[in-house]
């Protein structure tokens, strides 16, 4: 006696496949495929997220390094400007003193 192969869509095993059983069968298949797609998408999203995290860290480190460089340059420039301003103030003070001495000399004469 040849064994009959059971139709996988015959969900209740009565030997007949109804429209309802077909709908349930394909709905189950669709659900399984959706789970697989979700699992693959979820894994891919994790990979992309990790790559983005690493890239963000690299960009942040580069930005921090650049900020340090800019800060060091700004500090050096501030020192230069301060030194120039101090020298200018000294010259102005000397000129003012010379003018005051000149005025005093004219009044004394």
Protein backbone atom coordinates (compact mmCIF):
# COMPACT_ATOMS: atom_id res chain seq x y z
CA UNK A 1 0.00 0.00 0.00
CA UNK A 2 1.41 3.37 -1.05
CA UNK A 3 1.61 5.98 1.66
CA UNK A 4 -0.32 9.10 0.99
CA UNK A 5 1.53 12.32 1.43
CA UNK A 6 -0.35 14.74 3.60
CA UNK A 7 -1.04 18.17 2.15
CA UNK A 8 0.52 20.73 4.51
CA UNK A 9 -2.47 22.98 3.95
CA UNK A 10 -4.80 20.34 5.42
CA UNK A 11 -4.53 21.80 8.90
CA UNK A 12 -7.19 19.65 10.56
CA UNK A 13 -6.06 16.42 8.84
CA UNK A 14 -9.45 15.53 7.39
CA UNK A 15 -8.06 15.01 3.88
CA UNK A 16 -9.78 18.09 2.52
CA UNK A 17 -8.26 21.54 2.10
CA UNK A 18 -10.79 24.30 2.58
CA UNK A 19 -10.42 27.95 1.64
CA UNK A 20 -10.16 28.78 5.35
CA UNK A 21 -7.31 26.28 5.79
CA UNK A 22 -5.52 27.78 2.80
CA UNK A 23 -5.89 31.28 4.28
CA UNK A 24 -4.61 30.06 7.67
CA UNK A 25 -1.72 28.19 6.05
CA UNK A 26 -0.56 31.18 3.99
CA UNK A 27 -1.07 33.52 6.94
CA UNK A 28 1.19 31.26 9.01
CA UNK A 29 3.79 31.21 6.24
CA UNK A 30 3.63 35.00 5.94
CA UNK A 31 4.06 35.30 9.71
CA UNK A 32 7.15 33.04 9.63
CA UNK A 33 8.66 35.03 6.78
CA UNK A 34 7.90 38.28 8.57
CA UNK A 35 9.71 36.99 11.66
CA UNK A 36 12.73 36.07 9.55
CA UNK A 37 12.74 39.46 7.82
CA UNK A 38 12.38 41.20 11.19
CA UNK A 39 15.27 39.19 12.65
CA UNK A 40 17.50 40.02 9.68
CA UNK A 41 16.50 43.69 9.76
CA UNK A 42 17.04 43.84 13.50
CA UNK A 43 20.53 42.36 13.15
CA UNK A 44 21.37 44.75 10.33
CA UNK A 45 20.09 47.68 12.39
CA UNK A 46 22.37 46.62 15.25
CA UNK A 47 25.35 46.45 12.90
CA UNK A 48 24.59 49.86 11.43
CA UNK A 49 24.05 51.26 14.92
CA UNK A 50 27.42 49.96 16.10
CA UNK A 51 29.16 51.39 13.03
CA UNK A 52 27.45 54.74 13.62
CA UNK A 53 28.49 54.66 17.27
CA UNK A 54 32.13 54.02 16.33
CA UNK A 55 32.06 56.72 13.66
CA UNK A 56 30.47 59.22 16.05
CA UNK A 57 33.20 58.50 18.58
CA UNK A 58 35.89 59.03 15.93
CA UNK A 59 34.31 62.29 14.81
CA UNK A 60 34.00 63.42 18.42
CA UNK A 61 37.64 62.63 19.10
CA UNK A 62 38.75 64.52 15.98
CA UNK A 63 36.59 67.48 16.94
CA UNK A 64 38.02 67.49 20.46
CA UNK A 65 41.57 67.39 19.09
CA UNK A 66 40.80 70.23 16.68
CA UNK A 67 39.27 72.23 19.53
CA UNK A 68 42.44 71.75 21.57
CA UNK A 69 44.55 72.97 18.66
CA UNK A 70 42.33 76.00 18.11
CA UNK A 71 42.34 76.70 21.84
CA UNK A 72 46.13 76.54 22.00
CA UNK A 73 46.43 78.90 19.01
CA UNK A 74 43.92 81.29 20.58
CA UNK A 75 45.84 81.24 23.86
CA UNK A 76 49.10 82.01 22.07
CA UNK A 77 47.49 84.81 20.07
CA UNK A 78 46.00 86.26 23.26
CA UNK A 79 49.47 86.32 24.82
CA UNK A 80 50.82 88.15 21.78
CA UNK A 81 48.00 90.70 21.80
CA UNK A 82 48.44 91.24 25.54
CA UNK A 83 52.18 91.78 25.13
CA UNK A 84 51.58 94.26 22.29
CA UNK A 85 48.94 96.10 24.31
CA UNK A 86 51.26 96.25 27.31
CA UNK A 87 54.04 97.69 25.14
CA UNK A 88 51.62 100.21 23.59
CA UNK A 89 50.45 101.24 27.05
CA UNK A 90 54.06 101.70 28.17
CA UNK A 91 54.79 103.90 25.15
CA UNK A 92 51.65 105.97 25.74
CA UNK A 93 52.58 106.40 29.40
CA UNK A 94 56.07 107.60 28.41
CA UNK A 95 54.64 110.03 25.84
CA UNK A 96 52.13 111.34 28.37
CA UNK A 97 54.89 111.80 30.97
CA UNK A 98 57.06 113.59 28.41
CA UNK A 99 54.16 115.90 27.52
CA UNK A 100 53.48 116.62 31.20
CA UNK A 101 57.20 117.34 31.75
CA UNK A 102 57.19 119.62 28.69
CA UNK A 103 54.17 121.53 30.00
CA UNK A 104 55.77 121.84 33.45
CA UNK A 105 58.99 123.10 31.89
CA UNK A 106 57.13 125.78 29.92
CA UNK A 107 55.33 126.95 33.06
CA UNK A 108 58.59 127.09 35.02
CA UNK A 109 60.32 129.16 32.40
